[in-house]
């Protein structure tokens, strides 16, 4: 049986399968990418700007084909798949426009002489990426490192191998040099060996806490720098002055975008008593009006989970939550489809001793917490081992920002749900991981900040 399979979660059809690479194929990939690094390190970042622009253009031209493949492979709505392609084009465009400037040497004031630090490539990056955004997760690491001059090996999730293959071919088709992005269907044992290889200089992972801990351990014991984005249990705080219309608009897909399979999705909705009934009614109405169906159908608003395995895991987590006292406020009716559909559910009365209190429920499950005031909302938001994203909804933006700054998290959106863009750094704290991707911070993730100081005058 093949190790990597493309299974349409709407039809349960297996439409592609891929075997693990041989030792020779892995060695060839390491050699090719390492040779490219040694070529790139003698070239200015400006030489790669036009190449990245061509990659962005190729993605834009392949928008429909790429979006349909992602939808077929992991079940996301076709409109959201197109949006994912558009975001990735924008990320590439950001580094095309700003990458060269971001990598210019930075002068350092010192009385010891004339000093600056150069920003240089470090070597080949091993990227381990998840299935929920099959294109975005790749480009988030690839685009900045391409400009820096760090080639990338890719180990994508086991259930999106066709997208991984497509992206690697797209990069090559756009004229990027051989070795810029090489896709490998690695087993976990092979991945450990690749991370240990001296030609690998950094490891970027987005995934589960368990997977991140295992990969970070491999990177750490081999003294490789790593960045980790390990999921979240994001708080969505509704302040008393939240605008009702805006609140409902934000709630519309805060928990159902990508069918709730988003690390930064609003998983814990925290509301004061004053606004509790309003939020409950809004969410019930929004959930009830979802329309299940084929993700390729533009009219569909409720799609299957990415796999039967994910559906069964979420069902088990919800059952466990109910067994520990949680209550079902609303659950979507039975879905007459054969795919991996999960019935969206709203849970309340989740006590601190409930496993769901500190779990990431990856799917269309809304957890609503009622609190007496803003201080209790902040305390509850911070009572989590995760710290990736959060939202604060309130009309007094200055006050909302003060609330946001009290939340132990890497990102907070005021009056909106999660958001991403090329210019905005992405990452978290606590068990949500470390390091940043995208923006000015993301391009520095695997850069050698090389100090150069001239002390001629000091010694004259």
Protein backbone atom coordinates (compact mmCIF):
# COMPACT_ATOMS: atom_id res chain seq x y z
CA UNK A 1 0.00 0.00 0.00
CA UNK A 2 1.25 3.43 -0.91
CA UNK A 3 2.31 5.68 1.94
CA UNK A 4 0.77 8.85 0.51
CA UNK A 5 -2.75 8.86 -0.96
CA UNK A 6 -5.07 11.44 -2.50
CA UNK A 7 -8.58 10.55 -1.30
CA UNK A 8 -11.52 12.77 -2.20
CA UNK A 9 -13.32 13.22 1.16
CA UNK A 10 -16.61 13.94 -0.63
CA UNK A 11 -16.66 10.66 -2.60
CA UNK A 12 -14.08 8.61 -0.64
CA UNK A 13 -12.42 7.90 -4.02
CA UNK A 14 -8.68 7.23 -4.06
CA UNK A 15 -7.42 9.05 -7.15
CA UNK A 16 -3.64 9.04 -6.68
CA UNK A 17 -1.00 7.30 -4.59
CA UNK A 18 2.73 7.77 -4.09
CA UNK A 19 5.47 5.67 -2.55
CA UNK A 20 8.25 6.80 -0.24
CA UNK A 21 11.45 7.81 -2.04
CA UNK A 22 14.45 5.54 -2.26
CA UNK A 23 17.69 6.34 -0.46
CA UNK A 24 19.19 7.31 -3.82
CA UNK A 25 16.34 9.74 -4.55
CA UNK A 26 16.77 11.39 -1.15
CA UNK A 27 20.52 11.69 -1.67
CA UNK A 28 19.98 13.20 -5.12
CA UNK A 29 17.56 15.78 -3.66
CA UNK A 30 19.97 16.73 -0.89
CA UNK A 31 22.87 17.06 -3.32
CA UNK A 32 20.87 19.09 -5.83
CA UNK A 33 19.49 21.55 -3.27
CA UNK A 34 22.85 21.90 -1.52
CA UNK A 35 24.63 22.65 -4.81
CA UNK A 36 22.02 25.31 -5.54
CA UNK A 37 22.59 26.89 -2.12
CA UNK A 38 26.32 27.14 -2.80
CA UNK A 39 25.58 28.81 -6.13
CA UNK A 40 22.97 31.17 -4.67
CA UNK A 41 25.16 32.30 -1.77
CA UNK A 42 27.42 34.07 -4.25
CA UNK A 43 24.50 35.82 -5.96
CA UNK A 44 22.60 38.89 -4.84
CA UNK A 45 18.93 38.42 -3.81
CA UNK A 46 17.99 40.72 -6.67
CA UNK A 47 18.82 37.90 -9.09
CA UNK A 48 15.89 35.86 -7.71
CA UNK A 49 13.25 38.59 -7.67
CA UNK A 50 12.24 38.13 -11.31
CA UNK A 51 12.13 34.35 -10.83
CA UNK A 52 9.74 34.65 -7.89
CA UNK A 53 7.56 37.00 -9.95
CA UNK A 54 7.35 34.31 -12.63
CA UNK A 55 6.34 31.73 -10.02
CA UNK A 56 3.56 34.07 -8.83
CA UNK A 57 2.40 34.54 -12.44
CA UNK A 58 2.40 30.79 -13.01
CA UNK A 59 0.26 30.29 -9.90
CA UNK A 60 -2.13 32.98 -11.05
CA UNK A 61 -2.43 31.37 -14.48
CA UNK A 62 -3.02 27.95 -12.87
CA UNK A 63 -5.59 29.28 -10.39
CA UNK A 64 -8.58 27.18 -11.45
CA UNK A 65 -6.67 23.94 -11.87
CA UNK A 66 -4.81 24.33 -8.58
CA UNK A 67 -7.96 25.33 -6.66
CA UNK A 68 -9.92 22.36 -8.04
CA UNK A 69 -7.11 19.98 -7.08
CA UNK A 70 -7.00 21.26 -3.49
CA UNK A 71 -10.79 20.99 -3.24
CA UNK A 72 -10.77 17.47 -4.62
CA UNK A 73 -7.91 16.40 -2.37
CA UNK A 74 -8.95 17.80 1.02
CA UNK A 75 -12.53 19.00 0.59
CA UNK A 76 -12.34 22.77 1.01
CA UNK A 77 -14.95 24.95 -0.69
CA UNK A 78 -13.91 25.87 -4.21
CA UNK A 79 -14.29 29.61 -3.44
CA UNK A 80 -11.94 29.24 -0.46
CA UNK A 81 -9.48 27.27 -2.58
CA UNK A 82 -9.38 30.09 -5.13
CA UNK A 83 -8.86 32.57 -2.30
CA UNK A 84 -5.94 30.45 -1.08
CA UNK A 85 -4.28 30.69 -4.49
CA UNK A 86 -4.83 34.47 -4.51
CA UNK A 87 -3.25 34.82 -1.04
CA UNK A 88 -0.20 32.85 -2.19
CA UNK A 89 0.21 35.04 -5.27
CA UNK A 90 0.05 38.08 -2.97
CA UNK A 91 2.69 36.58 -0.64
CA UNK A 92 5.05 36.09 -3.56
CA UNK A 93 4.32 39.62 -4.79
CA UNK A 94 5.15 41.01 -1.33
CA UNK A 95 8.62 39.45 -1.37
CA UNK A 96 9.13 40.43 -5.00
CA UNK A 97 8.51 44.06 -4.03
CA UNK A 98 10.16 44.14 -0.61
CA UNK A 99 12.47 41.12 -0.23
CA UNK A 100 15.57 42.77 -1.64
CA UNK A 101 15.12 45.82 0.61
CA UNK A 102 14.50 43.66 3.70
CA UNK A 103 17.78 41.84 3.09
CA UNK A 104 19.97 44.93 2.85
CA UNK A 105 22.72 45.18 5.49
CA UNK A 106 21.72 46.90 8.74
CA UNK A 107 24.22 49.45 10.15
CA UNK A 108 25.05 49.20 13.86
CA UNK A 109 26.09 52.32 15.82
CA UNK A 110 29.18 51.54 17.89
CA UNK A 111 32.17 53.42 19.33
CA UNK A 112 34.43 50.51 18.34
CA UNK A 113 34.43 51.24 14.62
CA UNK A 114 32.15 50.99 11.61
CA UNK A 115 29.77 48.03 11.92
CA UNK A 116 26.85 46.40 10.16
CA UNK A 117 25.30 42.99 9.88
CA UNK A 118 24.77 41.33 6.52
CA UNK A 119 21.75 39.06 6.00
CA UNK A 120 22.88 35.88 4.33
CA UNK A 121 21.45 32.51 3.36
CA UNK A 122 22.25 29.60 5.66
CA UNK A 123 21.46 26.53 3.54
CA UNK A 124 18.75 24.05 2.65
CA UNK A 125 15.49 24.21 4.65
CA UNK A 126 13.37 21.14 5.41
CA UNK A 127 9.68 22.14 5.47
CA UNK A 128 7.07 19.82 7.00
CA UNK A 129 3.60 21.08 6.15
CA UNK A 130 -0.04 20.15 6.95
CA UNK A 131 -3.06 19.46 4.76
CA UNK A 132 -5.48 22.22 5.76
CA UNK A 133 -4.02 24.86 3.41
CA UNK A 134 -2.13 22.70 0.91
CA UNK A 135 -0.69 25.59 -1.12
CA UNK A 136 -0.46 28.39 1.44
CA UNK A 137 1.54 26.32 3.92
CA UNK A 138 4.18 25.68 1.25
CA UNK A 139 4.40 29.23 -0.06
CA UNK A 140 4.55 30.72 3.44
CA UNK A 141 7.99 29.11 3.86
CA UNK A 142 9.10 28.93 0.24
CA UNK A 143 8.66 32.55 -0.91
CA UNK A 144 10.83 34.31 1.70
CA UNK A 145 13.50 31.60 1.66
CA UNK A 146 13.65 31.68 -2.14
CA UNK A 147 14.58 35.37 -2.00
CA UNK A 148 17.05 34.75 0.83
CA UNK A 149 18.72 31.95 -1.15
CA UNK A 150 17.74 28.95 0.97
CA UNK A 151 16.51 26.04 -1.21
CA UNK A 152 13.66 24.01 0.26
CA UNK A 153 12.85 20.33 0.58
CA UNK A 154 9.16 19.62 1.19
CA UNK A 155 7.50 16.87 3.18
CA UNK A 156 3.80 17.55 2.80
CA UNK A 157 0.92 15.85 4.64
CA UNK A 158 0.12 12.26 3.66
CA UNK A 159 -3.32 13.18 2.30
CA UNK A 160 -2.35 16.05 -0.04
CA UNK A 161 0.46 14.51 -2.10
CA UNK A 162 -1.01 15.56 -5.45
CA UNK A 163 -0.95 19.23 -4.48
CA UNK A 164 2.65 18.84 -3.30
CA UNK A 165 3.65 17.35 -6.66
CA UNK A 166 1.76 20.04 -8.57
CA UNK A 167 3.45 22.90 -6.70
CA UNK A 168 6.94 21.45 -7.18
CA UNK A 169 6.27 21.12 -10.93
CA UNK A 170 4.79 24.63 -11.06
CA UNK A 171 7.93 26.13 -9.51
CA UNK A 172 10.09 24.29 -12.05
CA UNK A 173 7.75 25.26 -14.93
CA UNK A 174 8.11 28.91 -13.93
CA UNK A 175 11.84 28.70 -14.60
CA UNK A 176 13.22 28.38 -11.08
CA UNK A 177 16.51 26.50 -10.94
CA UNK A 178 16.46 22.77 -10.24
CA UNK A 179 16.61 22.25 -6.48
CA UNK A 180 14.75 25.42 -5.45
CA UNK A 181 11.79 23.32 -4.24
CA UNK A 182 11.98 19.54 -4.19
CA UNK A 183 9.03 17.44 -3.01
CA UNK A 184 9.80 14.20 -1.12
CA UNK A 185 7.19 11.71 0.14
CA UNK A 186 9.24 10.92 3.23
CA UNK A 187 8.38 8.42 5.93
CA UNK A 188 8.87 9.66 9.49
CA UNK A 189 12.09 7.62 9.74
CA UNK A 190 13.38 9.12 6.50
CA UNK A 191 12.45 12.61 7.71
CA UNK A 192 14.55 12.13 10.84
CA UNK A 193 17.52 11.08 8.70
CA UNK A 194 17.11 14.10 6.40
CA UNK A 195 16.96 16.51 9.35
CA UNK A 196 20.17 14.97 10.71
CA UNK A 197 21.98 15.44 7.39
CA UNK A 198 24.59 18.24 7.57
CA UNK A 199 23.30 19.74 4.32
CA UNK A 200 20.04 20.69 6.08
CA UNK A 201 20.40 23.94 8.01
CA UNK A 202 16.85 24.65 9.18
CA UNK A 203 13.50 23.00 9.80
CA UNK A 204 10.10 24.68 9.43
CA UNK A 205 6.99 22.85 10.60
CA UNK A 206 3.31 23.61 10.78
CA UNK A 207 1.26 20.85 12.34
CA UNK A 208 0.10 19.21 15.52
CA UNK A 209 1.68 19.72 18.91
CA UNK A 210 2.72 16.06 18.94
CA UNK A 211 4.28 16.24 15.48
CA UNK A 212 6.01 19.50 16.30
CA UNK A 213 7.53 18.10 19.47
CA UNK A 214 8.93 15.10 17.57
CA UNK A 215 10.41 17.19 14.74
CA UNK A 216 11.72 19.87 17.10
CA UNK A 217 13.48 17.13 19.07
CA UNK A 218 15.17 15.87 15.90
CA UNK A 219 16.16 19.41 14.92
CA UNK A 220 17.40 20.23 18.42
CA UNK A 221 19.59 17.19 18.88
CA UNK A 222 21.17 17.92 15.50
CA UNK A 223 21.60 21.63 16.34
CA UNK A 224 19.35 22.81 13.53
CA UNK A 225 17.37 26.02 13.87
CA UNK A 226 13.61 25.48 13.66
CA UNK A 227 10.32 27.33 13.50
CA UNK A 228 7.15 25.69 14.81
CA UNK A 229 3.48 26.58 14.32
CA UNK A 230 1.60 24.00 16.32
CA UNK A 231 -2.05 24.90 16.36
CA UNK A 232 -4.18 26.84 18.75
CA UNK A 233 -7.31 27.17 20.83
CA UNK A 234 -8.01 30.75 19.88
CA UNK A 235 -10.18 33.05 21.98
CA UNK A 236 -12.85 35.22 20.36
CA UNK A 237 -13.71 37.88 22.95
CA UNK A 238 -16.94 39.82 22.50
CA UNK A 239 -16.81 43.11 24.43
CA UNK A 240 -19.97 44.77 25.71
CA UNK A 241 -19.76 47.56 23.11
CA UNK A 242 -19.44 45.22 20.10
CA UNK A 243 -21.42 46.46 17.10
CA UNK A 244 -24.26 43.91 16.55
CA UNK A 245 -24.12 43.94 12.75
CA UNK A 246 -20.34 43.71 12.61
CA UNK A 247 -20.33 40.98 15.26
CA UNK A 248 -22.71 38.84 13.23
CA UNK A 249 -20.71 39.44 10.08
CA UNK A 250 -17.50 38.29 11.75
CA UNK A 251 -19.20 35.29 13.35
CA UNK A 252 -20.49 34.23 9.91
CA UNK A 253 -17.41 32.14 9.18
CA UNK A 254 -15.24 32.61 12.27
CA UNK A 255 -15.77 28.94 13.12
CA UNK A 256 -16.68 27.47 9.72
CA UNK A 257 -14.09 28.88 7.31
CA UNK A 258 -12.23 25.87 5.86
CA UNK A 259 -14.83 23.88 7.81
CA UNK A 260 -13.22 25.00 11.06
CA UNK A 261 -9.97 23.28 10.13
CA UNK A 262 -7.80 26.33 10.78
CA UNK A 263 -5.12 26.67 13.46
CA UNK A 264 -6.20 30.26 14.07
CA UNK A 265 -9.95 29.62 13.91
CA UNK A 266 -12.07 31.15 16.69
CA UNK A 267 -12.50 28.01 18.77
CA UNK A 268 -13.42 29.57 22.15
CA UNK A 269 -16.08 32.26 21.92
CA UNK A 270 -15.97 34.21 25.19
CA UNK A 271 -18.93 36.50 25.87
CA UNK A 272 -20.14 38.55 28.82
CA UNK A 273 -23.64 37.90 30.13
CA UNK A 274 -24.87 41.12 28.51
CA UNK A 275 -24.23 39.81 24.96
CA UNK A 276 -24.47 36.05 25.55
CA UNK A 277 -28.01 35.41 24.23
CA UNK A 278 -27.31 37.53 21.14
CA UNK A 279 -24.18 35.55 20.27
CA UNK A 280 -25.93 32.23 20.88
CA UNK A 281 -28.81 33.18 18.59
CA UNK A 282 -26.48 34.50 15.89
CA UNK A 283 -24.39 31.34 15.90
CA UNK A 284 -27.41 29.02 15.88
CA UNK A 285 -28.84 30.87 12.90
CA UNK A 286 -25.52 30.84 11.03
CA UNK A 287 -24.96 27.13 11.66
CA UNK A 288 -28.55 26.21 10.77
CA UNK A 289 -28.30 27.94 7.39
CA UNK A 290 -25.25 26.01 6.24
CA UNK A 291 -25.80 23.98 3.07
CA UNK A 292 -23.97 20.63 2.76
CA UNK A 293 -22.91 19.33 -0.62
CA UNK A 294 -20.14 18.93 -3.17
CA UNK A 295 -17.25 21.31 -2.36
CA UNK A 296 -16.91 22.01 -6.10
CA UNK A 297 -20.47 23.36 -6.15
CA UNK A 298 -20.45 27.14 -5.64
CA UNK A 299 -23.67 26.91 -3.59
CA UNK A 300 -22.18 24.55 -0.98
CA UNK A 301 -21.35 26.16 2.37
CA UNK A 302 -20.84 23.01 4.48
CA UNK A 303 -18.15 20.67 3.19
CA UNK A 304 -16.77 17.36 4.46
CA UNK A 305 -13.84 17.12 6.81
CA UNK A 306 -10.51 16.49 5.10
CA UNK A 307 -10.73 12.75 5.84
CA UNK A 308 -12.81 10.12 7.59
CA UNK A 309 -10.01 9.83 10.14
CA UNK A 310 -10.34 13.52 11.08
CA UNK A 311 -14.12 13.23 11.27
CA UNK A 312 -13.91 10.24 13.61
CA UNK A 313 -11.32 11.96 15.81
CA UNK A 314 -13.52 15.05 16.19
CA UNK A 315 -16.59 12.92 16.95
CA UNK A 316 -14.60 11.18 19.68
CA UNK A 317 -13.46 14.50 21.16
CA UNK A 318 -17.02 15.87 21.24
CA UNK A 319 -18.32 12.67 22.83
CA UNK A 320 -15.61 12.93 25.47
CA UNK A 321 -16.52 16.57 26.12
CA UNK A 322 -20.19 15.61 26.58
CA UNK A 323 -19.17 12.77 28.87
CA UNK A 324 -17.47 15.34 31.11
CA UNK A 325 -20.51 17.60 31.40
CA UNK A 326 -20.54 19.79 28.29
CA UNK A 327 -23.97 20.49 26.77
CA UNK A 328 -25.08 20.64 23.15
CA UNK A 329 -26.71 23.99 22.52
CA UNK A 330 -27.25 23.19 18.84
CA UNK A 331 -26.25 20.48 16.38
CA UNK A 332 -26.84 20.42 12.64
CA UNK A 333 -29.36 17.80 11.45
CA UNK A 334 -28.28 14.50 9.92
CA UNK A 335 -26.41 15.00 6.63
CA UNK A 336 -27.50 12.69 3.83
CA UNK A 337 -24.15 12.44 2.12
CA UNK A 338 -21.60 9.63 1.93
CA UNK A 339 -18.50 11.77 2.44
CA UNK A 340 -16.61 12.68 5.61
CA UNK A 341 -19.25 15.13 6.85
CA UNK A 342 -19.29 16.24 10.48
CA UNK A 343 -22.47 17.83 11.82
CA UNK A 344 -21.53 21.33 13.13
CA UNK A 345 -22.19 21.67 16.85
CA UNK A 346 -22.27 24.41 19.49
CA UNK A 347 -21.08 23.38 22.96
CA UNK A 348 -21.56 25.16 26.27
CA UNK A 349 -20.91 24.42 29.97
CA UNK A 350 -17.32 23.33 29.40
CA UNK A 351 -15.74 23.23 32.84
CA UNK A 352 -12.02 23.46 33.53
CA UNK A 353 -11.79 19.72 34.22
CA UNK A 354 -13.31 18.91 30.82
CA UNK A 355 -10.69 17.65 28.31
CA UNK A 356 -12.18 20.01 25.71
CA UNK A 357 -11.24 23.00 27.86
CA UNK A 358 -7.62 22.79 26.75
CA UNK A 359 -7.90 20.82 23.49
CA UNK A 360 -7.87 21.99 19.91
CA UNK A 361 -11.13 20.82 18.29
CA UNK A 362 -10.19 20.94 14.62
CA UNK A 363 -13.49 21.25 12.81
CA UNK A 364 -16.90 23.01 12.95
CA UNK A 365 -17.32 22.96 16.73
CA UNK A 366 -18.05 26.26 18.50
CA UNK A 367 -17.39 26.42 22.24
CA UNK A 368 -19.21 29.30 23.95
CA UNK A 369 -18.14 30.53 27.38
CA UNK A 370 -20.21 33.00 29.40
CA UNK A 371 -18.25 35.33 31.71
CA UNK A 372 -19.31 38.10 34.06
CA UNK A 373 -16.96 40.82 32.81
CA UNK A 374 -14.02 41.75 30.64
CA UNK A 375 -11.42 40.84 33.26
CA UNK A 376 -12.80 37.31 33.48
CA UNK A 377 -12.81 37.10 29.66
CA UNK A 378 -9.09 37.94 29.52
CA UNK A 379 -8.31 35.49 32.32
CA UNK A 380 -10.19 32.71 30.53
CA UNK A 381 -8.52 33.52 27.20
CA UNK A 382 -5.11 33.14 28.85
CA UNK A 383 -6.02 29.95 30.72
CA UNK A 384 -4.75 27.77 27.88
CA UNK A 385 -1.57 25.99 26.97
CA UNK A 386 -1.94 27.47 23.47
CA UNK A 387 -1.26 31.02 22.29
CA UNK A 388 -1.55 31.36 18.52
CA UNK A 389 -4.28 33.85 17.55
CA UNK A 390 -7.29 35.64 18.98
CA UNK A 391 -10.02 38.12 18.14
CA UNK A 392 -11.44 41.05 20.10
CA UNK A 393 -14.76 42.56 18.98
CA UNK A 394 -15.59 46.07 20.24
CA UNK A 395 -16.45 49.52 18.91
CA UNK A 396 -13.89 51.38 21.04
CA UNK A 397 -10.85 50.28 19.05
CA UNK A 398 -8.29 51.86 21.39
CA UNK A 399 -9.82 49.94 24.29
CA UNK A 400 -10.02 46.75 22.22
CA UNK A 401 -6.30 47.09 21.48
CA UNK A 402 -5.56 47.35 25.22
CA UNK A 403 -7.56 44.17 25.76
CA UNK A 404 -5.71 42.50 22.88
CA UNK A 405 -2.34 43.30 24.40
CA UNK A 406 -3.33 41.49 27.61
CA UNK A 407 -3.91 38.21 25.75
CA UNK A 408 -1.02 35.73 25.75
CA UNK A 409 -0.98 35.06 22.04
CA UNK A 410 1.08 35.69 18.93
CA UNK A 411 -1.62 37.50 16.93
CA UNK A 412 -4.86 39.36 17.63
CA UNK A 413 -7.38 40.71 15.13
CA UNK A 414 -9.62 43.59 16.20
CA UNK A 415 -13.16 43.35 14.81
CA UNK A 416 -12.38 40.41 12.56
CA UNK A 417 -11.58 36.73 12.53
CA UNK A 418 -8.17 35.34 11.61
CA UNK A 419 -6.33 37.02 8.77
CA UNK A 420 -3.10 36.49 6.87
CA UNK A 421 -1.08 38.43 4.30
CA UNK A 422 2.44 38.57 2.98
CA UNK A 423 3.33 41.61 5.07
CA UNK A 424 1.95 40.25 8.38
CA UNK A 425 4.12 37.99 10.58
CA UNK A 426 2.45 34.72 11.55
CA UNK A 427 3.23 32.68 14.68
CA UNK A 428 2.45 32.03 18.30
CA UNK A 429 3.69 31.53 21.85
CA UNK A 430 3.39 28.85 24.53
CA UNK A 431 2.58 25.42 23.06
CA UNK A 432 1.49 27.02 19.79
CA UNK A 433 5.15 27.12 18.85
CA UNK A 434 7.87 29.65 18.20
CA UNK A 435 9.32 31.71 15.40
CA UNK A 436 7.51 33.76 12.77
CA UNK A 437 6.68 33.26 9.11
CA UNK A 438 5.79 35.96 6.56
CA UNK A 439 6.37 39.71 6.78
CA UNK A 440 9.71 41.33 7.67
CA UNK A 441 10.14 38.90 10.58
CA UNK A 442 9.48 35.79 8.50
CA UNK A 443 12.21 36.48 5.97
CA UNK A 444 14.73 36.48 8.85
CA UNK A 445 13.77 33.02 10.16
CA UNK A 446 16.72 31.22 8.53
CA UNK A 447 19.12 34.08 7.86
CA UNK A 448 22.70 34.41 9.07
CA UNK A 449 22.97 37.86 10.68
CA UNK A 450 26.64 38.19 9.85
CA UNK A 451 28.42 40.92 11.83
CA UNK A 452 31.08 42.85 9.92
CA UNK A 453 33.03 45.51 11.84
CA UNK A 454 35.91 47.69 10.72
CA UNK A 455 38.16 48.65 13.65
CA UNK A 456 40.94 50.22 11.55
CA UNK A 457 40.60 53.63 13.19
CA UNK A 458 40.42 52.19 16.68
CA UNK A 459 43.77 50.46 16.12
CA UNK A 460 45.50 53.32 14.36
